[in-house]
Amino acid sequence: MPRIIFITGQSGAGKDTLATSLAESFEEKYGQTISFSSGEEVRRFGQTGTYTAELVRENNQKGKLAPWFALIGTHFNKINNEFTGDENIIWNGSPRTPREFEINSQMVEFYGLKADLVYLKVSDEECLRRIVERQKLESREGTANLEAINTKLKFFHEAVLPAIELARKDENYTVHEIDGSGTKEEVFERVKKALNI
């Protein structure tokens, strides 16, 4: 049975780095793997040039979530176009809210999957430091200024943490709370041990 692994945590927790490493590891060990980033899909959509895309991009620049209809649309298109029932799925940046968790949970149940949720736990202070450093190397609209960063950090506590708690209660999910401090290699080793890969 294919595995679906969701990765969540604060902005700056290292989700993108972990997702890349996991996708490469799964591809090497188990074969075909779909790698999916909620944030990247929304950012990509924001560059498509439509009126809706421009509004989504402006929303993202303020550190706010994409509207639900746009988010669900990008998620559905990705799964519908690429998932045949055999691939493992590495899903980065989800769930971000209890509502999004409920949608994911419905999808997991629909496909008859068991899900792992990797929660990279990193302090607010460390995430802020990492985001500032990251902005020097690559500009991201959602964390381009201190106001947007603070909006993201506040949102994590108000919405993402409650979504993680819902996952802990879902029989189709196993939540792995991982210390996200240290080098990327150290974090990856903790995750591999937790996921038994």
Foldseek 3Di string as FASTA:
>chain_A
DAAEEEEAEFQQLCQVVLLVVVCVVCCVPPNAAAEAELVVLLLVQLPPPDPLSVVSLVCLLQLHHRDPVVSVVSVCVSCVVPPPLRHHYYYYHDDLFLVRLVVVLVVCVVSVAAYEYEYAYDDLVNSVVSLVVVCVVPNDSQSNDPSSSVVRVVSCVVGVVVNLVVQVVDPSYDYDYFHSDDDPVVRNVRVCVVVVD
